[in-house]
Amino acid sequence: MKCPFCGQPESKVIDSRPTDEGTRIRRRRECLECARRFTTYEIVESLPIVVVKKDSSRELFDRQKLFNGMLRACQKRPVPLEVLERAVDEIEAQLQNSLEREVPATKIGEYAMEKLRNIDEIAYVRFASVYRQFKDISSFHDEISKLLDK
């Protein structure tokens, strides 16, 4: 790390501690040339995820939008909020780890349905009915048959 006082590129870390609930690391450094101390912060760089919609428009991934959709599917169901938040965390981590900067909305919907299938089957069918745009009762029947077969 370059010293802000003399410009020397070499410094040593004297103290490190996590801040902001572990999302950043605060480091106290000492310049090896002028011996002055300074503080640096280290954070994980996260690249924005762009969602490609069905009409080919693009928008930034909105974690709250995903959470709200899953929450709506779980309305009046015995699903704790912590379970939904963890599912959304896992989906977001999956998207970040994929290294794809543009993700089709359909893929995010599939991830959400996969999580809901394991959380609550009724919530899964509700989400699937909106996501897959069921047109009639036979569409519901087909989806429920698939669920029962598994």
C-alpha atoms as a PDB file:
ATOM      1  CA  MET A   1       0.000   0.000   0.000  1.00  0.00           C
ATOM      2  CA  LYS A   2       1.415   3.355  -1.042  1.00  0.00           C
ATOM      3  CA  CYS A   3       2.078   5.758   1.865  1.00  0.00           C
ATOM      4  CA  PRO A   4      -0.172   8.846   1.615  1.00  0.00           C
ATOM      5  CA  PHE A   5       2.577  11.006   3.204  1.00  0.00           C
ATOM      6  CA  CYS A   6       5.781  10.161   1.334  1.00  0.00           C
ATOM      7  CA  GLY A   7       4.563   7.947  -1.539  1.00  0.00           C
ATOM      8  CA  GLN A   8       6.713   4.958  -0.533  1.00  0.00           C
ATOM      9  CA  PRO A   9       5.087   1.774  -1.909  1.00  0.00           C
ATOM     10  CA  GLU A  10       6.109  -0.404   1.055  1.00  0.00           C
ATOM     11  CA  SER A  11       4.305  -0.481   4.396  1.00  0.00           C
ATOM     12  CA  LYS A  12       3.640  -3.035   7.080  1.00  0.00           C
ATOM     13  CA  VAL A  13       0.349  -3.946   8.733  1.00  0.00           C
ATOM     14  CA  ILE A  14       0.357  -3.220  12.466  1.00  0.00           C
ATOM     15  CA  ASP A  15      -3.242  -4.114  13.313  1.00  0.00           C
ATOM     16  CA  SER A  16      -6.231  -5.649  11.477  1.00  0.00           C
ATOM     17  CA  ARG A  17      -9.806  -5.884  12.672  1.00  0.00           C
ATOM     18  CA  PRO A  18     -13.190  -6.464  11.075  1.00  0.00           C
ATOM     19  CA  THR A  19     -15.665  -3.567  10.914  1.00  0.00           C
ATOM     20  CA  ASP A  20     -19.241  -3.096   9.703  1.00  0.00           C
ATOM     21  CA  GLU A  21     -20.321  -6.549  10.908  1.00  0.00           C
ATOM     22  CA  GLY A  22     -17.447  -8.264   9.115  1.00  0.00           C
ATOM     23  CA  THR A  23     -18.048  -6.745   5.675  1.00  0.00           C
ATOM     24  CA  ARG A  24     -14.869  -4.626   5.786  1.00  0.00           C
ATOM     25  CA  ILE A  25     -11.425  -4.969   7.349  1.00  0.00           C
ATOM     26  CA  ARG A  26      -9.718  -1.963   8.924  1.00  0.00           C
ATOM     27  CA  ARG A  27      -5.925  -2.087   8.747  1.00  0.00           C
ATOM     28  CA  ARG A  28      -3.467   0.173  10.586  1.00  0.00           C
ATOM     29  CA  ARG A  29      -0.261   0.438   8.581  1.00  0.00           C
ATOM     30  CA  GLU A  30       3.156   1.939   9.123  1.00  0.00           C
ATOM     31  CA  CYS A  31       5.304   3.255   6.303  1.00  0.00           C
ATOM     32  CA  LEU A  32       8.708   1.565   6.138  1.00  0.00           C
ATOM     33  CA  GLU A  33      10.306   4.804   4.892  1.00  0.00           C
ATOM     34  CA  CYS A  34       8.891   7.670   7.000  1.00  0.00           C
ATOM     35  CA  ALA A  35       7.449   5.539   9.869  1.00  0.00           C
ATOM     36  CA  ARG A  36       4.131   7.434   9.801  1.00  0.00           C
ATOM     37  CA  ARG A  37       0.936   5.492  10.387  1.00  0.00           C
ATOM     38  CA  PHE A  38      -2.240   5.449   8.322  1.00  0.00           C
ATOM     39  CA  THR A  39      -5.462   3.457   8.046  1.00  0.00           C
ATOM     40  CA  THR A  40      -6.782   1.512   5.073  1.00  0.00           C
ATOM     41  CA  TYR A  41     -10.031  -0.395   4.574  1.00  0.00           C
ATOM     42  CA  GLU A  42     -10.477  -3.561   2.576  1.00  0.00           C
ATOM     43  CA  ILE A  43     -13.854  -4.615   1.139  1.00  0.00           C
ATOM     44  CA  VAL A  44     -15.008  -7.374  -1.162  1.00  0.00           C
ATOM     45  CA  GLU A  45     -15.657  -6.054  -4.630  1.00  0.00           C
ATOM     46  CA  SER A  46     -19.052  -7.059  -5.958  1.00  0.00           C
ATOM     47  CA  LEU A  47     -19.903  -6.534  -9.577  1.00  0.00           C
ATOM     48  CA  PRO A  48     -23.459  -5.573 -10.449  1.00  0.00           C
ATOM     49  CA  ILE A  49     -25.702  -8.293 -11.831  1.00  0.00           C
ATOM     50  CA  VAL A  50     -27.837  -7.262 -14.787  1.00  0.00           C
ATOM     51  CA  VAL A  51     -31.120  -9.107 -15.313  1.00  0.00           C
ATOM     52  CA  VAL A  52     -32.179  -9.676 -18.928  1.00  0.00           C
ATOM     53  CA  LYS A  53     -35.980  -9.649 -19.053  1.00  0.00           C
ATOM     54  CA  LYS A  54     -38.193 -11.533 -21.533  1.00  0.00           C
ATOM     55  CA  ASP A  55     -38.553  -8.420 -23.703  1.00  0.00           C
ATOM     56  CA  SER A  56     -34.720  -8.124 -23.843  1.00  0.00           C
ATOM     57  CA  SER A  57     -34.701  -5.051 -21.605  1.00  0.00           C
ATOM     58  CA  ARG A  58     -32.120  -4.962 -18.861  1.00  0.00           C
ATOM     59  CA  GLU A  59     -32.253  -3.858 -15.235  1.00  0.00           C
ATOM     60  CA  LEU A  60     -30.036  -4.236 -12.183  1.00  0.00           C
ATOM     61  CA  PHE A  61     -30.708  -7.250  -9.983  1.00  0.00           C
ATOM     62  CA  ASP A  62     -32.984  -6.201  -7.140  1.00  0.00           C
ATOM     63  CA  ARG A  63     -32.736  -8.535  -4.181  1.00  0.00           C
ATOM     64  CA  GLN A  64     -35.801  -6.927  -2.576  1.00  0.00           C
ATOM     65  CA  LYS A  65     -37.909  -7.627  -5.661  1.00  0.00           C
ATOM     66  CA  LEU A  66     -36.983 -11.327  -5.500  1.00  0.00           C
ATOM     67  CA  PHE A  67     -37.679 -11.435  -1.760  1.00  0.00           C
ATOM     68  CA  ASN A  68     -41.082  -9.740  -2.209  1.00  0.00           C
ATOM     69  CA  GLY A  69     -42.108 -12.218  -4.908  1.00  0.00           C
ATOM     70  CA  MET A  70     -41.163 -15.186  -2.753  1.00  0.00           C
ATOM     71  CA  LEU A  71     -42.842 -13.587   0.277  1.00  0.00           C
ATOM     72  CA  ARG A  72     -46.078 -13.134  -1.699  1.00  0.00           C
ATOM     73  CA  ALA A  73     -46.009 -16.835  -2.601  1.00  0.00           C
ATOM     74  CA  CYS A  74     -45.611 -17.708   1.096  1.00  0.00           C
ATOM     75  CA  GLN A  75     -48.459 -15.483   2.272  1.00  0.00           C
ATOM     76  CA  LYS A  76     -50.483 -17.166   5.066  1.00  0.00           C
ATOM     77  CA  ARG A  77     -48.066 -20.114   5.051  1.00  0.00           C
ATOM     78  CA  PRO A  78     -45.949 -21.204   8.049  1.00  0.00           C
ATOM     79  CA  VAL A  79     -42.666 -20.025   6.520  1.00  0.00           C
ATOM     80  CA  PRO A  80     -40.365 -17.969   8.776  1.00  0.00           C
ATOM     81  CA  LEU A  81     -38.895 -14.798   7.249  1.00  0.00           C
ATOM     82  CA  GLU A  82     -35.375 -16.010   8.137  1.00  0.00           C
ATOM     83  CA  VAL A  83     -35.855 -19.030   5.854  1.00  0.00           C
ATOM     84  CA  LEU A  84     -36.870 -16.783   2.950  1.00  0.00           C
ATOM     85  CA  GLU A  85     -34.002 -14.369   3.612  1.00  0.00           C
ATOM     86  CA  ARG A  86     -31.539 -17.267   3.630  1.00  0.00           C
ATOM     87  CA  ALA A  87     -33.002 -18.566   0.335  1.00  0.00           C
ATOM     88  CA  VAL A  88     -32.614 -15.128  -1.272  1.00  0.00           C
ATOM     89  CA  ASP A  89     -29.042 -14.908   0.112  1.00  0.00           C
ATOM     90  CA  GLU A  90     -28.257 -18.277  -1.470  1.00  0.00           C
ATOM     91  CA  ILE A  91     -29.743 -17.255  -4.827  1.00  0.00           C
ATOM     92  CA  GLU A  92     -27.805 -13.982  -4.791  1.00  0.00           C
ATOM     93  CA  ALA A  93     -24.573 -15.825  -3.901  1.00  0.00           C
ATOM     94  CA  GLN A  94     -25.246 -18.312  -6.695  1.00  0.00           C
ATOM     95  CA  LEU A  95     -25.627 -15.432  -9.149  1.00  0.00           C
ATOM     96  CA  GLN A  96     -22.469 -13.672  -7.892  1.00  0.00           C
ATOM     97  CA  ASN A  97     -20.459 -16.907  -8.048  1.00  0.00           C
ATOM     98  CA  SER A  98     -21.587 -17.731 -11.578  1.00  0.00           C
ATOM     99  CA  LEU A  99     -19.339 -14.928 -12.895  1.00  0.00           C
ATOM    100  CA  GLU A 100     -22.038 -14.083 -15.448  1.00  0.00           C
ATOM    101  CA  ARG A 101     -22.751 -10.359 -15.382  1.00  0.00           C
ATOM    102  CA  GLU A 102     -25.968 -10.712 -17.372  1.00  0.00           C
ATOM    103  CA  VAL A 103     -28.460 -13.295 -16.156  1.00  0.00           C
ATOM    104  CA  PRO A 104     -31.787 -14.129 -17.808  1.00  0.00           C
ATOM    105  CA  ALA A 105     -34.790 -13.443 -15.565  1.00  0.00           C
ATOM    106  CA  THR A 106     -35.933 -16.995 -16.304  1.00  0.00           C
ATOM    107  CA  LYS A 107     -32.857 -18.394 -14.560  1.00  0.00           C
ATOM    108  CA  ILE A 108     -33.569 -16.361 -11.412  1.00  0.00           C
ATOM    109  CA  GLY A 109     -37.185 -17.570 -11.485  1.00  0.00           C
ATOM    110  CA  GLU A 110     -36.024 -21.183 -11.764  1.00  0.00           C
ATOM    111  CA  TYR A 111     -33.667 -20.711  -8.790  1.00  0.00           C
ATOM    112  CA  ALA A 112     -36.528 -19.224  -6.751  1.00  0.00           C
ATOM    113  CA  MET A 113     -38.862 -22.106  -7.636  1.00  0.00           C
ATOM    114  CA  GLU A 114     -36.185 -24.632  -6.707  1.00  0.00           C
ATOM    115  CA  LYS A 115     -35.774 -23.005  -3.271  1.00  0.00           C
ATOM    116  CA  LEU A 116     -39.540 -22.726  -2.702  1.00  0.00           C
ATOM    117  CA  ARG A 117     -40.065 -26.368  -3.671  1.00  0.00           C
ATOM    118  CA  ASN A 118     -37.856 -27.330  -0.718  1.00  0.00           C
ATOM    119  CA  ILE A 119     -39.374 -24.752   1.662  1.00  0.00           C
ATOM    120  CA  ASP A 120     -43.138 -25.088   1.095  1.00  0.00           C
ATOM    121  CA  GLU A 121     -44.941 -26.916  -1.697  1.00  0.00           C
ATOM    122  CA  ILE A 122     -47.981 -24.618  -1.665  1.00  0.00           C
ATOM    123  CA  ALA A 123     -45.740 -21.540  -1.961  1.00  0.00           C
ATOM    124  CA  TYR A 124     -43.914 -23.296  -4.800  1.00  0.00           C
ATOM    125  CA  VAL A 125     -47.164 -23.881  -6.741  1.00  0.00           C
ATOM    126  CA  ARG A 126     -48.274 -20.291  -6.127  1.00  0.00           C
ATOM    127  CA  PHE A 127     -44.964 -18.910  -7.379  1.00  0.00           C
ATOM    128  CA  ALA A 128     -44.941 -21.293 -10.356  1.00  0.00           C
ATOM    129  CA  SER A 129     -48.491 -20.306 -11.322  1.00  0.00           C
ATOM    130  CA  VAL A 130     -47.478 -16.655 -11.662  1.00  0.00           C
ATOM    131  CA  TYR A 131     -43.991 -17.302 -13.028  1.00  0.00           C
ATOM    132  CA  ARG A 132     -45.068 -19.837 -15.644  1.00  0.00           C
ATOM    133  CA  GLN A 133     -48.314 -17.968 -16.342  1.00  0.00           C
ATOM    134  CA  PHE A 134     -50.684 -20.919 -15.979  1.00  0.00           C
ATOM    135  CA  LYS A 135     -53.609 -20.422 -18.342  1.00  0.00           C
ATOM    136  CA  ASP A 136     -56.022 -23.074 -17.053  1.00  0.00           C
ATOM    137  CA  ILE A 137     -56.602 -25.756 -14.419  1.00  0.00           C
ATOM    138  CA  SER A 138     -54.782 -28.412 -16.438  1.00  0.00           C
ATOM    139  CA  SER A 139     -51.566 -26.373 -16.113  1.00  0.00           C
ATOM    140  CA  PHE A 140     -51.997 -26.461 -12.328  1.00  0.00           C
ATOM    141  CA  HIS A 141     -52.734 -30.171 -12.464  1.00  0.00           C
ATOM    142  CA  ASP A 142     -49.609 -30.888 -14.517  1.00  0.00           C
ATOM    143  CA  GLU A 143     -47.392 -28.935 -12.087  1.00  0.00           C
ATOM    144  CA  ILE A 144     -48.907 -30.654  -9.050  1.00  0.00           C
ATOM    145  CA  SER A 145     -48.475 -34.060 -10.728  1.00  0.00           C
ATOM    146  CA  LYS A 146     -44.773 -33.306 -11.267  1.00  0.00           C
ATOM    147  CA  LEU A 147     -44.500 -32.319  -7.606  1.00  0.00           C
ATOM    148  CA  LEU A 148     -46.220 -35.509  -6.425  1.00  0.00           C
ATOM    149  CA  ASP A 149     -44.008 -37.687  -8.653  1.00  0.00           C
ATOM    150  CA  LYS A 150     -40.935 -36.355  -6.890  1.00  0.00           C
END
